[in-house]
N, C-alpha and C. Protein backbone atom coordinates (compact mmCIF):
# COMPACT_ATOMS: atom_id res chain seq x y z
N UNK A 1 130.56 96.22 82.93
CA UNK A 1 130.67 95.72 84.55
C UNK A 1 130.24 93.99 84.62
N UNK A 2 131.32 93.46 85.50
CA UNK A 2 131.01 92.07 85.08
C UNK A 2 130.43 91.42 86.32
N UNK A 3 130.09 90.28 86.40
CA UNK A 3 128.84 89.77 87.50
C UNK A 3 129.26 90.21 89.22
N UNK A 4 130.72 89.89 89.28
CA UNK A 4 131.15 90.21 90.47
C UNK A 4 131.23 92.00 90.89
N UNK A 5 131.17 92.77 90.00
CA UNK A 5 131.28 93.99 89.99
C UNK A 5 129.53 94.42 90.24
N UNK A 6 128.86 93.94 89.54
CA UNK A 6 127.59 94.26 89.93
C UNK A 6 126.73 93.32 91.12
N UNK A 7 127.44 92.41 91.49
CA UNK A 7 127.23 91.73 92.86
C UNK A 7 127.39 93.06 93.63
N UNK A 8 128.65 93.43 93.75
CA UNK A 8 129.02 94.22 95.11
C UNK A 8 128.45 95.80 94.78
N UNK A 9 128.22 95.78 93.39
CA UNK A 9 127.42 97.59 93.59
C UNK A 9 125.81 97.07 94.11
N UNK A 10 124.80 95.98 93.91
CA UNK A 10 123.77 95.63 94.53
C UNK A 10 123.78 95.82 95.97
N UNK A 11 124.59 95.01 96.48
CA UNK A 11 124.75 94.90 97.92
C UNK A 11 125.30 96.21 98.34
N UNK A 12 126.37 97.34 98.06
CA UNK A 12 126.29 98.49 98.17
C UNK A 12 125.00 99.20 98.29
N UNK A 13 124.26 99.23 97.17
CA UNK A 13 123.22 100.01 97.17
C UNK A 13 121.91 99.41 98.14
N UNK A 14 121.81 97.62 98.51
CA UNK A 14 121.22 97.31 99.76
C UNK A 14 121.78 97.93 100.99
N UNK A 15 122.90 98.17 101.14
CA UNK A 15 123.47 98.72 102.76
C UNK A 15 122.85 100.40 102.58
N UNK A 16 122.87 100.69 101.38
CA UNK A 16 122.63 102.29 101.40
C UNK A 16 121.03 102.31 101.87
N UNK A 17 120.07 101.81 101.13
CA UNK A 17 119.14 101.48 101.55
C UNK A 17 118.52 101.18 102.86
N UNK A 18 119.43 100.27 103.62
CA UNK A 18 119.20 100.10 105.00
C UNK A 18 119.50 101.14 105.30
N UNK A 19 120.71 101.63 105.18
CA UNK A 19 120.98 102.73 106.25
C UNK A 19 120.10 104.03 106.27
N UNK A 20 119.51 104.31 105.03
CA UNK A 20 118.57 105.51 104.69
C UNK A 20 116.97 104.97 105.74
N UNK A 21 116.69 103.87 105.35
CA UNK A 21 115.76 103.64 106.32
C UNK A 21 115.89 103.69 107.82
N UNK A 22 117.32 103.46 108.42
CA UNK A 22 117.16 103.22 109.88
C UNK A 22 117.50 104.88 109.87
N UNK A 23 117.60 105.65 109.46
CA UNK A 23 118.00 107.08 109.53
C UNK A 23 116.34 107.76 109.33
N UNK A 24 115.51 107.31 108.90
CA UNK A 24 113.99 107.58 108.69
C UNK A 24 113.40 107.21 109.56
N UNK A 25 113.35 106.00 109.96
CA UNK A 25 112.98 105.51 111.33
C UNK A 25 113.53 106.57 112.20
N UNK A 26 114.48 106.78 112.58
CA UNK A 26 115.27 107.40 113.84
C UNK A 26 114.36 108.98 113.66
N UNK A 27 114.67 109.62 112.45
CA UNK A 27 114.12 110.57 112.37
C UNK A 27 112.66 110.81 112.68
N UNK A 28 112.03 109.88 112.38
CA UNK A 28 110.52 109.79 112.23
C UNK A 28 109.85 109.84 113.75
N UNK A 29 110.92 109.06 114.79
CA UNK A 29 111.04 108.77 116.09
C UNK A 29 110.94 109.98 116.77
N UNK A 30 111.93 110.70 116.40
CA UNK A 30 112.55 112.17 116.84
C UNK A 30 111.59 113.33 116.30
N UNK A 31 110.66 113.31 115.52
CA UNK A 31 109.85 114.02 114.87
C UNK A 31 108.48 113.93 116.06
N UNK A 32 108.33 112.66 116.37
CA UNK A 32 107.10 112.56 116.79
C UNK A 32 107.26 112.94 118.55
N UNK A 33 108.70 112.69 118.90
CA UNK A 33 108.94 113.45 120.18
C UNK A 33 108.83 114.85 120.28
N UNK A 34 109.49 115.71 119.15
CA UNK A 34 109.63 116.67 119.32
C UNK A 34 107.61 117.41 119.02
N UNK A 35 106.91 116.72 118.07
CA UNK A 35 105.73 117.29 118.02
C UNK A 35 104.77 117.01 119.35
N UNK A 36 105.41 116.10 119.87
CA UNK A 36 104.65 115.85 121.61
C UNK A 36 105.05 116.60 122.41
N UNK A 37 105.81 117.45 122.22
CA UNK A 37 106.66 118.67 123.14
C UNK A 37 106.12 119.75 123.06
N UNK A 38 105.58 119.81 122.14
CA UNK A 38 105.04 121.21 121.48
C UNK A 38 103.40 121.26 121.41
N UNK A 39 102.90 120.01 121.22
CA UNK A 39 101.54 119.64 120.70
C UNK A 39 100.62 120.45 121.67
N UNK A 40 100.68 120.43 122.89
CA UNK A 40 99.53 120.55 124.12
C UNK A 40 99.28 121.99 123.66
N UNK A 41 100.32 123.05 123.90
CA UNK A 41 100.17 124.32 123.73
C UNK A 41 99.57 124.71 122.31
N UNK A 42 100.16 124.31 121.43
CA UNK A 42 100.00 124.57 119.87
C UNK A 42 98.40 124.01 120.00
N UNK A 43 98.53 122.70 120.12
CA UNK A 43 96.73 122.25 120.30
C UNK A 43 95.55 123.43 120.69
N UNK A 44 96.03 123.78 121.67
CA UNK A 44 94.86 124.54 122.60
C UNK A 44 95.04 126.18 121.79
N UNK A 45 96.01 126.50 121.25
CA UNK A 45 96.08 127.67 120.49
C UNK A 45 94.90 127.62 119.04
N UNK A 46 95.53 126.64 118.56
CA UNK A 46 94.86 126.15 117.45
C UNK A 46 93.21 126.06 117.38
N UNK A 47 93.27 125.44 118.70
CA UNK A 47 91.67 125.34 119.06
C UNK A 47 90.65 126.38 119.21
N UNK A 48 91.39 127.29 119.90
CA UNK A 48 91.12 128.66 120.37
C UNK A 48 90.76 129.39 119.16
N UNK A 49 92.07 129.38 118.02
CA UNK A 49 91.93 130.19 116.89
C UNK A 49 90.44 129.60 116.02
N UNK A 50 90.53 128.24 116.07
CA UNK A 50 89.54 127.68 115.07
C UNK A 50 88.01 128.32 115.64
N UNK A 51 88.07 127.99 116.73
CA UNK A 51 86.80 128.48 117.73
C UNK A 51 86.07 129.77 117.48
N UNK A 52 87.69 131.12 117.42
CA UNK A 52 87.45 132.61 117.58
C UNK A 52 86.52 132.41 116.18
N UNK A 53 87.20 132.18 115.12
CA UNK A 53 86.75 132.29 114.11
C UNK A 53 85.61 131.45 113.40
N UNK A 54 85.22 130.58 114.23
CA UNK A 54 83.87 129.54 114.08
C UNK A 54 84.39 128.45 113.02
N UNK A 55 85.25 128.38 112.75
CA UNK A 55 85.56 127.33 111.79
C UNK A 55 85.18 125.99 111.98
N UNK A 56 84.88 126.04 113.11
CA UNK A 56 84.65 124.37 112.68
C UNK A 56 83.16 124.00 112.84
N UNK A 57 82.12 125.20 112.12
CA UNK A 57 80.60 125.34 112.29
C UNK A 57 80.33 124.95 110.36
N UNK A 58 81.45 124.90 109.68
CA UNK A 58 81.07 124.38 108.26
C UNK A 58 81.20 122.81 108.25
N UNK A 59 81.96 122.20 109.22
CA UNK A 59 81.91 120.44 109.45
C UNK A 59 81.49 119.90 110.54
N UNK A 60 80.87 121.04 111.65
CA UNK A 60 80.05 120.53 112.23
C UNK A 60 80.89 119.51 113.58
N UNK A 61 82.61 119.95 113.44
CA UNK A 61 83.30 119.48 114.14
C UNK A 61 84.03 119.93 115.54
N UNK A 62 84.02 119.42 116.49
CA UNK A 62 84.25 120.37 117.84
C UNK A 62 85.91 120.69 117.34
N UNK A 63 86.16 122.13 117.68
CA UNK A 63 87.39 122.90 117.51
C UNK A 63 88.60 122.09 118.20
N UNK A 64 88.31 121.33 118.90
CA UNK A 64 89.70 120.52 119.50
C UNK A 64 89.95 119.36 118.54
N UNK A 65 89.07 118.73 118.08
CA UNK A 65 89.37 117.62 117.06
C UNK A 65 89.90 118.10 115.85
N UNK A 66 89.75 119.44 115.34
CA UNK A 66 90.31 120.41 114.10
C UNK A 66 91.67 120.20 114.45
N UNK A 67 91.73 120.96 115.26
CA UNK A 67 93.17 120.84 115.90
C UNK A 67 94.24 120.13 116.05
N UNK A 68 93.75 119.00 116.85
CA UNK A 68 94.33 117.45 116.33
C UNK A 68 94.39 117.30 115.27
N UNK A 69 93.74 117.28 114.04
CA UNK A 69 93.47 117.10 113.36
C UNK A 69 94.90 117.67 112.61
N UNK A 70 95.01 119.18 112.55
CA UNK A 70 95.81 119.65 111.81
C UNK A 70 97.48 119.66 112.56
N UNK A 71 97.61 119.24 113.88
CA UNK A 71 98.45 118.95 114.18
C UNK A 71 99.64 117.71 113.60
N UNK A 72 97.95 116.90 113.27
CA UNK A 72 98.57 115.52 112.96
C UNK A 72 98.98 115.84 111.39
N UNK A 73 98.36 116.54 110.59
CA UNK A 73 99.02 116.89 109.32
C UNK A 73 100.48 117.54 109.37
N UNK A 74 100.64 118.67 110.37
CA UNK A 74 101.95 119.04 110.28
C UNK A 74 103.13 117.68 110.54
N UNK A 75 102.83 117.11 111.48
CA UNK A 75 103.63 116.01 111.75
C UNK A 75 103.93 115.31 110.75
N UNK A 76 102.83 114.87 109.83
CA UNK A 76 103.16 114.01 108.90
C UNK A 76 103.78 114.53 107.81
N UNK A 77 103.81 115.94 107.42
CA UNK A 77 104.24 116.82 106.41
C UNK A 77 106.04 116.83 107.09
N UNK A 78 106.11 117.10 108.14
CA UNK A 78 107.85 117.15 108.79
C UNK A 78 108.12 115.57 108.53
N UNK A 79 107.48 114.63 108.32
CA UNK A 79 108.25 113.26 108.27
C UNK A 79 108.47 113.29 106.97
N UNK A 80 107.49 113.53 106.07
CA UNK A 80 107.79 113.29 104.83
C UNK A 80 109.06 114.13 104.28
N UNK A 81 109.30 115.32 104.62
CA UNK A 81 110.10 115.97 104.34
C UNK A 81 111.71 115.63 104.77
N UNK A 82 111.56 114.97 106.05
CA UNK A 82 112.77 114.19 106.53
C UNK A 82 112.86 113.03 105.34
N UNK A 83 111.76 112.21 105.10
CA UNK A 83 112.11 111.15 104.19
C UNK A 83 112.71 111.45 102.84
N UNK A 84 112.43 112.72 102.41
CA UNK A 84 112.83 112.71 101.08
C UNK A 84 114.19 113.32 101.40
N UNK A 85 114.14 114.05 102.17
CA UNK A 85 115.89 114.74 102.22
C UNK A 85 116.88 113.72 102.41
N UNK A 86 116.23 112.54 103.48
CA UNK A 86 116.75 111.28 103.30
C UNK A 86 117.22 110.51 101.88
N UNK A 87 116.09 110.65 101.33
CA UNK A 87 116.12 109.98 99.98
C UNK A 87 117.32 110.59 98.97
N UNK A 88 117.41 112.10 98.87
CA UNK A 88 118.30 112.77 98.31
C UNK A 88 119.58 112.46 98.81
N UNK A 89 119.80 111.82 100.03
CA UNK A 89 121.17 111.93 100.69
C UNK A 89 121.86 113.13 101.53
N UNK A 90 120.71 113.97 101.88
CA UNK A 90 120.80 115.16 102.17
C UNK A 90 120.70 115.17 103.61
N UNK A 91 121.39 115.88 104.76
CA UNK A 91 120.81 116.30 106.17
C UNK A 91 119.21 116.61 106.27
N UNK A 92 118.95 115.15 107.01
CA UNK A 92 117.26 115.25 107.15
C UNK A 92 116.95 115.80 108.58
N UNK A 93 117.99 116.17 109.21
CA UNK A 93 117.98 117.03 110.67
C UNK A 93 116.84 118.17 110.50
N UNK A 94 115.96 118.28 111.40
CA UNK A 94 115.29 119.60 111.79
C UNK A 94 116.26 120.91 111.71
N UNK A 95 116.36 122.05 111.11
CA UNK A 95 117.26 122.88 110.92
C UNK A 95 118.04 123.40 112.60
N UNK A 96 117.06 123.53 113.01
CA UNK A 96 117.59 123.90 114.67
C UNK A 96 118.36 123.16 115.55
N UNK A 97 117.88 121.61 115.06
CA UNK A 97 118.78 120.55 115.79
C UNK A 97 120.27 120.92 114.85
N UNK A 98 120.33 121.02 113.41
CA UNK A 98 121.52 120.58 113.00
C UNK A 98 122.14 122.42 113.25
N UNK A 99 122.01 123.09 113.36
CA UNK A 99 122.35 124.13 114.20
C UNK A 99 122.76 124.25 115.44
N UNK A 100 122.19 124.03 116.48
CA UNK A 100 122.70 123.92 117.71
C UNK A 100 123.90 122.74 117.50
N UNK A 101 124.02 121.52 116.80
CA UNK A 101 124.89 120.93 116.90
C UNK A 101 126.07 121.40 116.50
N UNK A 102 126.09 122.20 115.23
CA UNK A 102 127.50 123.29 114.48
C UNK A 102 127.94 124.15 115.37
N UNK A 103 126.91 124.93 116.44
CA UNK A 103 127.55 125.64 116.82
C UNK A 103 128.25 125.19 118.10
N UNK A 104 127.97 123.72 118.49
CA UNK A 104 128.75 123.42 119.64
C UNK A 104 130.31 123.12 119.26
N UNK A 105 130.49 122.72 117.73
CA UNK A 105 132.04 122.19 117.61
C UNK A 105 133.04 123.66 118.48
């Protein structure tokens, strides 16, 4: 590979990396929006379950704080999965969104 080809290859890789980062940023924002939409009811349910089974006692932490923590863990996991899929060049959209768009065709 000569210098021109190597330079073009480097530029192509940088472009793909930039595109991947833009997609990661978009999916991260989308994930946060989806998480916010379902968080309040899920948070309430988690808090109730934590309280019902007295799981807050071991850490002496209020159940609603533990519920918020668990929702944050789930959001971080979803973002990490989306970043992984984008890294490998796969469709990183949540499956329910991809399936809905596919059915619209």
